[in-house]
Amino acid sequence: MDLCIFPILCILSGGQREGTTVLNIFNDQDYNRSVITIVASIDCIREAVLSACEQACGLIDMRAYAGGHPTMGAVDLVPLYPLGEEVGLGDCAKEARAVAAGLTERVSGTSAFFFGWADSPQHRGLAQRRKEMGWFRKNPDTGASRPDVGPLPQKRYGLTGIGASPYVMNCNVTIDTQDLALGRSIAMAIRESTPGGLPGVQVLALPHEGAVEIACNVESMKGNPPSQVGERGEPWPTFSIGGQLYCHAPASLITARVTELAGRQGVATKGTALVGFTPHECKGLAERALSLGIAEFWKELRRVHM
């Protein structure tokens, strides 16, 4: 069975620091989906991701794909995040557009749409662009989508989303039920667009390994953290890009909110998993990996990351 890949690309430095490292590889058999976290300097990131995308397109045929997670492409998503002060969102956007051009040139028949800072001048977010492209539909018609780069999507490769934004954390909370309707009601309650929802949190409820997973994209927001705190009272984590402060909801706050809502219906949570890292973890591990020249740092990690 073919699986789609989702490379997360983090640009650490704008200088001449050489090297590329794979920080994390996560494979989910139920979703039939892989998430790969790659970190490099801005001089190296383009070739690293294009090589990975070429390999994926040669191995994955979307005509044979089946999985429990929404997807539209063999390479489904390529988000670029700045990690260091020397690299800005404009730099990532430029690289994202270059990656899209390079992919469609190297792999004939591939196509892509832009989101975030790469989507100029609108800067539409990923959720909005996915909705416009039909990504959330059970059986999306990629042939009806209008890509920003490349031909009309072909069934073999599908459609790839490529963009740039402040760091997005993936936080999944599993509830001990197979009641997807309950999962969807919880997802709606915590979603940013719902009054009283969590800022920056985009959510899907998906069946997963005999339970329901509340799958959250936790977007970083510009400015000071709100007054909400995590389960143990910790504040929202912060970081900066080019001197601008950003923050994101802590995983413990998301877990606490899901636990509360599920508990009202007599349903327990089974656990919380981060797919990859928080922004602080990612930057710290990336600096260590590149300073040591370790290309496959994911093999060196003693603590298991999803």
C-alpha atoms as a PDB file:
ATOM      1  CA  MET A   1       0.000   0.000   0.000  1.00  0.00           C
ATOM      2  CA  ASP A   2       1.403   3.400  -0.953  1.00  0.00           C
ATOM      3  CA  LEU A   3       1.710   6.107   1.685  1.00  0.00           C
ATOM      4  CA  CYS A   4       1.944   9.853   1.353  1.00  0.00           C
ATOM      5  CA  ILE A   5       4.731  11.898   2.937  1.00  0.00           C
ATOM      6  CA  PHE A   6       4.668  15.207   4.769  1.00  0.00           C
ATOM      7  CA  PRO A   7       8.138  16.783   5.108  1.00  0.00           C
ATOM      8  CA  ILE A   8       8.458  19.516   7.737  1.00  0.00           C
ATOM      9  CA  LEU A   9      11.284  21.839   6.723  1.00  0.00           C
ATOM     10  CA  CYS A  10      12.932  24.091   9.268  1.00  0.00           C
ATOM     11  CA  ILE A  11      15.517  26.688   8.227  1.00  0.00           C
ATOM     12  CA  LEU A  12      17.941  27.362  11.052  1.00  0.00           C
ATOM     13  CA  SER A  13      20.531  29.764   9.699  1.00  0.00           C
ATOM     14  CA  GLY A  14      20.949  32.355   7.015  1.00  0.00           C
ATOM     15  CA  GLY A  15      24.729  32.125   7.041  1.00  0.00           C
ATOM     16  CA  GLN A  16      27.168  29.671   5.547  1.00  0.00           C
ATOM     17  CA  ARG A  17      26.636  26.863   8.085  1.00  0.00           C
ATOM     18  CA  GLU A  18      26.567  23.726   6.015  1.00  0.00           C
ATOM     19  CA  GLY A  19      24.697  20.552   6.594  1.00  0.00           C
ATOM     20  CA  THR A  20      21.273  19.037   6.638  1.00  0.00           C
ATOM     21  CA  THR A  21      19.785  16.755   9.247  1.00  0.00           C
ATOM     22  CA  VAL A  22      16.682  14.595   9.456  1.00  0.00           C
ATOM     23  CA  LEU A  23      15.465  15.237  12.989  1.00  0.00           C
ATOM     24  CA  ASN A  24      12.458  12.952  12.986  1.00  0.00           C
ATOM     25  CA  ILE A  25      10.625  10.339  10.914  1.00  0.00           C
ATOM     26  CA  PHE A  26       7.129   9.330  11.944  1.00  0.00           C
ATOM     27  CA  ASN A  27       5.159   6.615  10.136  1.00  0.00           C
ATOM     28  CA  ASP A  28       1.502   5.920  10.885  1.00  0.00           C
ATOM     29  CA  GLN A  29       0.157   2.717   9.359  1.00  0.00           C
ATOM     30  CA  ASP A  30      -3.491   3.471  10.133  1.00  0.00           C
ATOM     31  CA  TYR A  31      -3.282   6.861   8.453  1.00  0.00           C
ATOM     32  CA  ASN A  32      -0.862   5.507   5.822  1.00  0.00           C
ATOM     33  CA  ARG A  33       1.142   8.696   6.258  1.00  0.00           C
ATOM     34  CA  SER A  34       4.709   9.679   7.070  1.00  0.00           C
ATOM     35  CA  VAL A  35       5.939  12.931   8.598  1.00  0.00           C
ATOM     36  CA  ILE A  36       9.625  13.778   8.119  1.00  0.00           C
ATOM     37  CA  THR A  37      11.284  16.710   9.905  1.00  0.00           C
ATOM     38  CA  ILE A  38      14.293  18.119   8.027  1.00  0.00           C
ATOM     39  CA  VAL A  39      16.472  21.007   9.225  1.00  0.00           C
ATOM     40  CA  ALA A  40      19.091  22.841   7.173  1.00  0.00           C
ATOM     41  CA  SER A  41      20.557  26.251   6.507  1.00  0.00           C
ATOM     42  CA  ILE A  42      18.777  28.337   3.921  1.00  0.00           C
ATOM     43  CA  ASP A  43      21.549  27.487   1.438  1.00  0.00           C
ATOM     44  CA  CYS A  44      20.871  23.751   1.736  1.00  0.00           C
ATOM     45  CA  ILE A  45      17.156  23.341   2.359  1.00  0.00           C
ATOM     46  CA  ARG A  46      15.969  23.529  -1.251  1.00  0.00           C
ATOM     47  CA  GLU A  47      18.059  20.659  -2.564  1.00  0.00           C
ATOM     48  CA  ALA A  48      17.299  18.561   0.514  1.00  0.00           C
ATOM     49  CA  VAL A  49      13.552  18.782   0.078  1.00  0.00           C
ATOM     50  CA  LEU A  50      13.611  18.405  -3.692  1.00  0.00           C
ATOM     51  CA  SER A  51      15.643  15.216  -3.380  1.00  0.00           C
ATOM     52  CA  ALA A  52      13.150  13.842  -0.857  1.00  0.00           C
ATOM     53  CA  CYS A  53      10.187  14.814  -3.037  1.00  0.00           C
ATOM     54  CA  GLU A  54      11.725  13.221  -6.114  1.00  0.00           C
ATOM     55  CA  GLN A  55      12.198   9.967  -4.228  1.00  0.00           C
ATOM     56  CA  ALA A  56       8.656  10.049  -2.906  1.00  0.00           C
ATOM     57  CA  CYS A  57       7.126  10.730  -6.309  1.00  0.00           C
ATOM     58  CA  GLY A  58       9.077   7.832  -7.781  1.00  0.00           C
ATOM     59  CA  LEU A  59       7.820   5.427  -5.103  1.00  0.00           C
ATOM     60  CA  ILE A  60       4.267   6.566  -4.324  1.00  0.00           C
ATOM     61  CA  ASP A  61       1.321   6.199  -6.694  1.00  0.00           C
ATOM     62  CA  MET A  62      -1.810   7.969  -5.469  1.00  0.00           C
ATOM     63  CA  ARG A  63      -3.938   5.756  -7.706  1.00  0.00           C
ATOM     64  CA  ALA A  64      -3.159   2.916  -5.278  1.00  0.00           C
ATOM     65  CA  TYR A  65      -3.354   4.999  -2.101  1.00  0.00           C
ATOM     66  CA  ALA A  66      -5.787   4.344   0.750  1.00  0.00           C
ATOM     67  CA  GLY A  67      -5.564   5.717   4.275  1.00  0.00           C
ATOM     68  CA  GLY A  68      -7.534   7.130   7.171  1.00  0.00           C
ATOM     69  CA  HIS A  69      -6.102  10.663   6.993  1.00  0.00           C
ATOM     70  CA  PRO A  70      -7.192  13.298   4.452  1.00  0.00           C
ATOM     71  CA  THR A  71      -4.616  13.784   1.730  1.00  0.00           C
ATOM     72  CA  MET A  72      -4.359  15.008  -1.843  1.00  0.00           C
ATOM     73  CA  GLY A  73      -0.783  14.284  -2.878  1.00  0.00           C
ATOM     74  CA  ALA A  74       2.016  11.732  -2.823  1.00  0.00           C
ATOM     75  CA  VAL A  75       3.911  14.593  -1.196  1.00  0.00           C
ATOM     76  CA  ASP A  76       0.952  16.077   0.634  1.00  0.00           C
ATOM     77  CA  LEU A  77       2.426  19.083   2.396  1.00  0.00           C
ATOM     78  CA  VAL A  78       5.742  20.967   2.469  1.00  0.00           C
ATOM     79  CA  PRO A  79       5.739  23.668   5.176  1.00  0.00           C
ATOM     80  CA  LEU A  80       8.877  25.759   5.733  1.00  0.00           C
ATOM     81  CA  TYR A  81       9.428  27.271   9.194  1.00  0.00           C
ATOM     82  CA  PRO A  82      12.167  29.713  10.269  1.00  0.00           C
ATOM     83  CA  LEU A  83      13.972  28.625  13.442  1.00  0.00           C
ATOM     84  CA  GLY A  84      16.749  31.191  13.792  1.00  0.00           C
ATOM     85  CA  GLU A  85      16.773  34.966  14.067  1.00  0.00           C
ATOM     86  CA  GLU A  86      18.787  35.241  10.854  1.00  0.00           C
ATOM     87  CA  VAL A  87      15.997  33.811   8.692  1.00  0.00           C
ATOM     88  CA  GLY A  88      12.612  35.466   8.229  1.00  0.00           C
ATOM     89  CA  LEU A  89       9.255  34.429   6.846  1.00  0.00           C
ATOM     90  CA  GLY A  90      10.036  36.227   3.599  1.00  0.00           C
ATOM     91  CA  ASP A  91      13.135  34.052   3.165  1.00  0.00           C
ATOM     92  CA  CYS A  92      11.090  30.911   3.771  1.00  0.00           C
ATOM     93  CA  ALA A  93       8.432  32.077   1.333  1.00  0.00           C
ATOM     94  CA  LYS A  94      11.064  32.597  -1.367  1.00  0.00           C
ATOM     95  CA  GLU A  95      12.410  29.089  -0.785  1.00  0.00           C
ATOM     96  CA  ALA A  96       8.908  27.615  -0.782  1.00  0.00           C
ATOM     97  CA  ARG A  97       8.149  29.096  -4.197  1.00  0.00           C
ATOM     98  CA  ALA A  98      11.516  27.848  -5.478  1.00  0.00           C
ATOM     99  CA  VAL A  99      10.763  24.353  -4.161  1.00  0.00           C
ATOM    100  CA  ALA A 100       7.412  24.362  -5.982  1.00  0.00           C
ATOM    101  CA  ALA A 101       9.054  25.432  -9.230  1.00  0.00           C
ATOM    102  CA  GLY A 102      11.823  22.869  -8.821  1.00  0.00           C
ATOM    103  CA  LEU A 103       9.410  20.030  -8.070  1.00  0.00           C
ATOM    104  CA  THR A 104       7.271  20.657 -11.132  1.00  0.00           C
ATOM    105  CA  GLU A 105      10.392  20.917 -13.294  1.00  0.00           C
ATOM    106  CA  ARG A 106      12.074  17.763 -11.967  1.00  0.00           C
ATOM    107  CA  VAL A 107       8.964  15.563 -11.764  1.00  0.00           C
ATOM    108  CA  SER A 108       6.794  16.076 -14.813  1.00  0.00           C
ATOM    109  CA  GLY A 109       3.112  15.985 -13.927  1.00  0.00           C
ATOM    110  CA  THR A 110       3.397  17.321 -10.381  1.00  0.00           C
ATOM    111  CA  SER A 111       1.553  20.456  -9.282  1.00  0.00           C
ATOM    112  CA  ALA A 112       1.331  22.590  -6.162  1.00  0.00           C
ATOM    113  CA  PHE A 113      -0.655  25.256  -4.376  1.00  0.00           C
ATOM    114  CA  PHE A 114       0.775  27.920  -2.056  1.00  0.00           C
ATOM    115  CA  PHE A 115      -0.225  28.852   1.485  1.00  0.00           C
ATOM    116  CA  GLY A 116       0.959  31.219   4.181  1.00  0.00           C
ATOM    117  CA  TRP A 117       3.693  33.698   3.290  1.00  0.00           C
ATOM    118  CA  ALA A 118       4.343  31.871   0.007  1.00  0.00           C
ATOM    119  CA  ASP A 119       0.789  32.762  -1.074  1.00  0.00           C
ATOM    120  CA  SER A 120       1.472  36.332  -2.130  1.00  0.00           C
ATOM    121  CA  PRO A 121      -0.123  38.790  -1.660  1.00  0.00           C
ATOM    122  CA  GLN A 122      -3.088  37.223   0.202  1.00  0.00           C
ATOM    123  CA  HIS A 123      -1.102  35.069   2.667  1.00  0.00           C
ATOM    124  CA  ARG A 124      -4.045  32.687   3.013  1.00  0.00           C
ATOM    125  CA  GLY A 125      -3.630  30.115   5.761  1.00  0.00           C
ATOM    126  CA  LEU A 126      -3.260  26.386   5.213  1.00  0.00           C
ATOM    127  CA  ALA A 127      -6.762  25.521   6.434  1.00  0.00           C
ATOM    128  CA  GLN A 128      -8.344  28.026   4.035  1.00  0.00           C
ATOM    129  CA  ARG A 129      -6.280  26.837   1.071  1.00  0.00           C
ATOM    130  CA  ARG A 130      -7.022  23.183   1.827  1.00  0.00           C
ATOM    131  CA  LYS A 131     -10.728  23.969   1.965  1.00  0.00           C
ATOM    132  CA  GLU A 132     -10.522  25.768  -1.378  1.00  0.00           C
ATOM    133  CA  MET A 133      -8.729  22.771  -2.905  1.00  0.00           C
ATOM    134  CA  GLY A 134     -11.189  20.209  -1.521  1.00  0.00           C
ATOM    135  CA  TRP A 135      -8.634  18.566   0.807  1.00  0.00           C
ATOM    136  CA  PHE A 136     -11.189  17.953   3.566  1.00  0.00           C
ATOM    137  CA  ARG A 137     -13.597  16.043   1.341  1.00  0.00           C
ATOM    138  CA  LYS A 138     -13.806  12.280   1.789  1.00  0.00           C
ATOM    139  CA  ASN A 139     -13.001  11.695  -1.878  1.00  0.00           C
ATOM    140  CA  PRO A 140     -11.394  14.914  -3.164  1.00  0.00           C
ATOM    141  CA  ASP A 141     -11.391  15.488  -6.908  1.00  0.00           C
ATOM    142  CA  THR A 142      -7.846  16.683  -7.458  1.00  0.00           C
ATOM    143  CA  GLY A 143      -8.559  17.120 -11.168  1.00  0.00           C
ATOM    144  CA  ALA A 144     -11.003  19.900 -10.336  1.00  0.00           C
ATOM    145  CA  SER A 145      -8.412  21.856  -8.330  1.00  0.00           C
ATOM    146  CA  ARG A 146      -6.547  24.801  -9.823  1.00  0.00           C
ATOM    147  CA  PRO A 147      -2.906  24.686  -8.724  1.00  0.00           C
ATOM    148  CA  ASP A 148      -0.640  27.725  -8.488  1.00  0.00           C
ATOM    149  CA  VAL A 149       2.256  25.891 -10.146  1.00  0.00           C
ATOM    150  CA  GLY A 150       2.247  23.030 -12.633  1.00  0.00           C
ATOM    151  CA  PRO A 151      -0.477  21.378 -14.722  1.00  0.00           C
ATOM    152  CA  LEU A 152      -3.903  20.264 -13.575  1.00  0.00           C
ATOM    153  CA  PRO A 153      -3.246  17.604 -10.931  1.00  0.00           C
ATOM    154  CA  GLN A 154      -2.625  14.105 -12.247  1.00  0.00           C
ATOM    155  CA  LYS A 155      -3.990  11.072 -10.421  1.00  0.00           C
ATOM    156  CA  ARG A 156      -0.553   9.531  -9.886  1.00  0.00           C
ATOM    157  CA  TYR A 157       0.972  12.468  -7.993  1.00  0.00           C
ATOM    158  CA  GLY A 158      -2.067  14.403  -6.796  1.00  0.00           C
ATOM    159  CA  LEU A 159      -1.567  17.923  -5.468  1.00  0.00           C
ATOM    160  CA  THR A 160       1.088  19.256  -3.060  1.00  0.00           C
ATOM    161  CA  GLY A 161       0.644  22.161  -0.634  1.00  0.00           C
ATOM    162  CA  ILE A 162       3.843  24.216  -0.275  1.00  0.00           C
ATOM    163  CA  GLY A 163       4.166  27.237   1.979  1.00  0.00           C
ATOM    164  CA  ALA A 164       5.861  29.160   4.755  1.00  0.00           C
ATOM    165  CA  SER A 165       4.661  30.172   8.193  1.00  0.00           C
ATOM    166  CA  PRO A 166       5.732  30.493  11.807  1.00  0.00           C
ATOM    167  CA  TYR A 167       6.204  27.072  13.402  1.00  0.00           C
ATOM    168  CA  VAL A 168       3.158  24.792  13.540  1.00  0.00           C
ATOM    169  CA  MET A 169       3.121  22.084  16.214  1.00  0.00           C
ATOM    170  CA  ASN A 170       1.139  18.853  15.725  1.00  0.00           C
ATOM    171  CA  CYS A 171      -0.612  17.670  18.896  1.00  0.00           C
ATOM    172  CA  ASN A 172      -2.933  14.656  18.892  1.00  0.00           C
ATOM    173  CA  VAL A 173      -5.145  13.616  21.805  1.00  0.00           C
ATOM    174  CA  THR A 174      -6.759  10.159  21.646  1.00  0.00           C
ATOM    175  CA  ILE A 175     -10.139   9.587  23.310  1.00  0.00           C
ATOM    176  CA  ASP A 176     -11.188   6.078  24.317  1.00  0.00           C
ATOM    177  CA  THR A 177     -14.219   5.675  22.101  1.00  0.00           C
ATOM    178  CA  GLN A 178     -15.170   4.836  18.539  1.00  0.00           C
ATOM    179  CA  ASP A 179     -17.895   7.505  18.554  1.00  0.00           C
ATOM    180  CA  LEU A 180     -16.707   9.765  15.738  1.00  0.00           C
ATOM    181  CA  ALA A 181     -19.659  12.129  16.253  1.00  0.00           C
ATOM    182  CA  LEU A 182     -18.450  12.791  19.801  1.00  0.00           C
ATOM    183  CA  GLY A 183     -14.945  13.367  18.490  1.00  0.00           C
ATOM    184  CA  ARG A 184     -16.218  15.853  15.962  1.00  0.00           C
ATOM    185  CA  SER A 185     -18.178  17.750  18.600  1.00  0.00           C
ATOM    186  CA  ILE A 186     -15.017  18.027  20.723  1.00  0.00           C
ATOM    187  CA  ALA A 187     -12.998  19.140  17.699  1.00  0.00           C
ATOM    188  CA  MET A 188     -15.560  21.823  16.940  1.00  0.00           C
ATOM    189  CA  ALA A 189     -15.561  23.042  20.544  1.00  0.00           C
ATOM    190  CA  ILE A 190     -11.793  23.587  20.753  1.00  0.00           C
ATOM    191  CA  ARG A 191     -11.292  24.844  17.192  1.00  0.00           C
ATOM    192  CA  GLU A 192     -10.078  28.440  16.907  1.00  0.00           C
ATOM    193  CA  SER A 193     -13.048  29.490  14.761  1.00  0.00           C
ATOM    194  CA  THR A 194     -15.552  28.481  17.473  1.00  0.00           C
ATOM    195  CA  PRO A 195     -16.396  31.076  20.153  1.00  0.00           C
ATOM    196  CA  GLY A 196     -14.499  29.985  23.238  1.00  0.00           C
ATOM    197  CA  GLY A 197     -12.137  27.811  21.188  1.00  0.00           C
ATOM    198  CA  LEU A 198      -8.365  27.747  21.547  1.00  0.00           C
ATOM    199  CA  PRO A 199      -6.501  30.432  19.561  1.00  0.00           C
ATOM    200  CA  GLY A 200      -4.339  29.041  16.778  1.00  0.00           C
ATOM    201  CA  VAL A 201      -5.757  25.506  17.010  1.00  0.00           C
ATOM    202  CA  GLN A 202      -7.086  23.816  13.848  1.00  0.00           C
ATOM    203  CA  VAL A 203      -8.675  20.418  14.542  1.00  0.00           C
ATOM    204  CA  LEU A 204      -9.919  17.225  12.899  1.00  0.00           C
ATOM    205  CA  ALA A 205     -11.467  14.184  14.591  1.00  0.00           C
ATOM    206  CA  LEU A 206     -10.347  10.974  12.890  1.00  0.00           C
ATOM    207  CA  PRO A 207     -10.830   7.259  13.576  1.00  0.00           C
ATOM    208  CA  HIS A 208      -7.468   5.829  14.580  1.00  0.00           C
ATOM    209  CA  GLU A 209      -6.451   2.391  15.811  1.00  0.00           C
ATOM    210  CA  GLY A 210      -9.849   1.541  17.275  1.00  0.00           C
ATOM    211  CA  ALA A 211     -10.328   4.922  18.961  1.00  0.00           C
ATOM    212  CA  VAL A 212     -10.816   8.550  17.902  1.00  0.00           C
ATOM    213  CA  GLU A 213      -7.922  10.968  17.578  1.00  0.00           C
ATOM    214  CA  ILE A 214      -8.410  14.694  18.062  1.00  0.00           C
ATOM    215  CA  ALA A 215      -5.697  15.787  15.629  1.00  0.00           C
ATOM    216  CA  CYS A 216      -4.601  19.387  16.137  1.00  0.00           C
ATOM    217  CA  ASN A 217      -2.444  21.729  14.093  1.00  0.00           C
ATOM    218  CA  VAL A 218      -1.263  24.273  16.659  1.00  0.00           C
ATOM    219  CA  GLU A 219      -0.359  27.454  14.805  1.00  0.00           C
ATOM    220  CA  SER A 220       1.951  30.065  16.289  1.00  0.00           C
ATOM    221  CA  MET A 221       0.418  33.494  16.761  1.00  0.00           C
ATOM    222  CA  LYS A 222       2.001  36.916  16.682  1.00  0.00           C
ATOM    223  CA  GLY A 223       2.165  38.853  19.937  1.00  0.00           C
ATOM    224  CA  ASN A 224       1.977  38.230  23.662  1.00  0.00           C
ATOM    225  CA  PRO A 225       0.382  35.033  24.991  1.00  0.00           C
ATOM    226  CA  PRO A 226      -3.265  35.110  26.122  1.00  0.00           C
ATOM    227  CA  SER A 227      -4.199  34.615  29.755  1.00  0.00           C
ATOM    228  CA  GLN A 228      -5.112  30.917  29.373  1.00  0.00           C
ATOM    229  CA  VAL A 229      -2.615  28.506  30.918  1.00  0.00           C
ATOM    230  CA  GLY A 230      -1.864  24.835  30.563  1.00  0.00           C
ATOM    231  CA  GLU A 231      -3.042  21.985  32.741  1.00  0.00           C
ATOM    232  CA  ARG A 232      -0.246  22.514  35.257  1.00  0.00           C
ATOM    233  CA  GLY A 233      -0.434  26.297  35.116  1.00  0.00           C
ATOM    234  CA  GLU A 234       2.406  26.763  32.637  1.00  0.00           C
ATOM    235  CA  PRO A 235       2.251  29.815  30.342  1.00  0.00           C
ATOM    236  CA  TRP A 236       2.074  29.663  26.572  1.00  0.00           C
ATOM    237  CA  PRO A 237       5.548  29.000  25.106  1.00  0.00           C
ATOM    238  CA  THR A 238       7.044  31.934  23.199  1.00  0.00           C
ATOM    239  CA  PHE A 239       9.762  32.430  20.602  1.00  0.00           C
ATOM    240  CA  SER A 240      10.769  35.180  18.201  1.00  0.00           C
ATOM    241  CA  ILE A 241      11.302  35.582  14.471  1.00  0.00           C
ATOM    242  CA  GLY A 242      13.265  38.652  13.462  1.00  0.00           C
ATOM    243  CA  GLY A 243      12.555  40.283  16.819  1.00  0.00           C
ATOM    244  CA  GLN A 244       8.802  39.642  16.574  1.00  0.00           C
ATOM    245  CA  LEU A 245       7.343  37.642  19.458  1.00  0.00           C
ATOM    246  CA  TYR A 246       5.194  34.563  18.712  1.00  0.00           C
ATOM    247  CA  CYS A 247       3.411  32.124  20.996  1.00  0.00           C
ATOM    248  CA  HIS A 248       1.470  28.874  20.737  1.00  0.00           C
ATOM    249  CA  ALA A 249      -1.013  26.959  22.871  1.00  0.00           C
ATOM    250  CA  PRO A 250       0.690  24.418  25.164  1.00  0.00           C
ATOM    251  CA  ALA A 251      -0.095  20.748  24.585  1.00  0.00           C
ATOM    252  CA  SER A 252      -1.233  20.415  28.199  1.00  0.00           C
ATOM    253  CA  LEU A 253      -3.969  23.022  27.646  1.00  0.00           C
ATOM    254  CA  ILE A 254      -5.267  21.151  24.594  1.00  0.00           C
ATOM    255  CA  THR A 255      -5.165  17.867  26.523  1.00  0.00           C
ATOM    256  CA  ALA A 256      -7.009  19.376  29.480  1.00  0.00           C
ATOM    257  CA  ARG A 257      -9.739  20.823  27.275  1.00  0.00           C
ATOM    258  CA  VAL A 258     -10.252  17.546  25.387  1.00  0.00           C
ATOM    259  CA  THR A 259     -10.231  15.579  28.658  1.00  0.00           C
ATOM    260  CA  GLU A 260     -12.866  17.886  30.130  1.00  0.00           C
ATOM    261  CA  LEU A 261     -15.173  17.707  27.114  1.00  0.00           C
ATOM    262  CA  ALA A 262     -14.830  13.940  26.700  1.00  0.00           C
ATOM    263  CA  GLY A 263     -15.305  13.385  30.442  1.00  0.00           C
ATOM    264  CA  ARG A 264     -18.684  15.104  30.334  1.00  0.00           C
ATOM    265  CA  GLN A 265     -19.803  12.213  28.124  1.00  0.00           C
ATOM    266  CA  GLY A 266     -18.184   9.560  30.309  1.00  0.00           C
ATOM    267  CA  VAL A 267     -15.248   9.051  27.925  1.00  0.00           C
ATOM    268  CA  ALA A 268     -11.618   8.980  29.041  1.00  0.00           C
ATOM    269  CA  THR A 269      -8.530  10.073  27.126  1.00  0.00           C
ATOM    270  CA  LYS A 270      -5.873   7.514  26.228  1.00  0.00           C
ATOM    271  CA  GLY A 271      -2.960   9.883  25.789  1.00  0.00           C
ATOM    272  CA  THR A 272      -1.410  12.843  23.978  1.00  0.00           C
ATOM    273  CA  ALA A 273       1.311  12.669  21.344  1.00  0.00           C
ATOM    274  CA  LEU A 274       3.359  15.356  19.627  1.00  0.00           C
ATOM    275  CA  VAL A 275       4.194  14.511  16.028  1.00  0.00           C
ATOM    276  CA  GLY A 276       7.691  15.919  16.060  1.00  0.00           C
ATOM    277  CA  PHE A 277       8.662  18.708  18.448  1.00  0.00           C
ATOM    278  CA  THR A 278       7.795  22.026  20.014  1.00  0.00           C
ATOM    279  CA  PRO A 279       9.596  25.024  18.429  1.00  0.00           C
ATOM    280  CA  HIS A 280      12.111  25.173  21.316  1.00  0.00           C
ATOM    281  CA  GLU A 281      12.843  21.448  21.113  1.00  0.00           C
ATOM    282  CA  CYS A 282      13.250  21.602  17.354  1.00  0.00           C
ATOM    283  CA  LYS A 283      15.714  24.494  17.471  1.00  0.00           C
ATOM    284  CA  GLY A 284      17.792  22.983  20.267  1.00  0.00           C
ATOM    285  CA  LEU A 285      18.040  19.562  18.644  1.00  0.00           C
ATOM    286  CA  ALA A 286      18.746  21.086  15.238  1.00  0.00           C
ATOM    287  CA  GLU A 287      21.653  23.155  16.559  1.00  0.00           C
ATOM    288  CA  ARG A 288      23.103  20.087  18.247  1.00  0.00           C
ATOM    289  CA  ALA A 289      22.686  17.855  15.186  1.00  0.00           C
ATOM    290  CA  LEU A 290      24.215  20.327  12.743  1.00  0.00           C
ATOM    291  CA  SER A 291      27.105  21.216  15.058  1.00  0.00           C
ATOM    292  CA  LEU A 292      27.950  17.517  15.325  1.00  0.00           C
ATOM    293  CA  GLY A 293      27.443  16.915  11.599  1.00  0.00           C
ATOM    294  CA  ILE A 294      24.867  14.165  12.153  1.00  0.00           C
ATOM    295  CA  ALA A 295      22.757  13.797   9.004  1.00  0.00           C
ATOM    296  CA  GLU A 296      20.287  11.279  10.468  1.00  0.00           C
ATOM    297  CA  PHE A 297      19.847  12.639  13.946  1.00  0.00           C
ATOM    298  CA  TRP A 298      16.533  10.830  14.383  1.00  0.00           C
ATOM    299  CA  LYS A 299      18.540   7.640  14.856  1.00  0.00           C
ATOM    300  CA  GLU A 300      20.504   9.250  17.694  1.00  0.00           C
ATOM    301  CA  LEU A 301      17.522  10.363  19.747  1.00  0.00           C
ATOM    302  CA  ARG A 302      17.140   8.292  22.868  1.00  0.00           C
ATOM    303  CA  ARG A 303      13.696   9.702  23.690  1.00  0.00           C
ATOM    304  CA  VAL A 304      11.106   8.419  21.242  1.00  0.00           C
ATOM    305  CA  HIS A 305       9.250  11.073  19.276  1.00  0.00           C
ATOM    306  CA  MET A 306       6.245  10.357  17.100  1.00  0.00           C
END
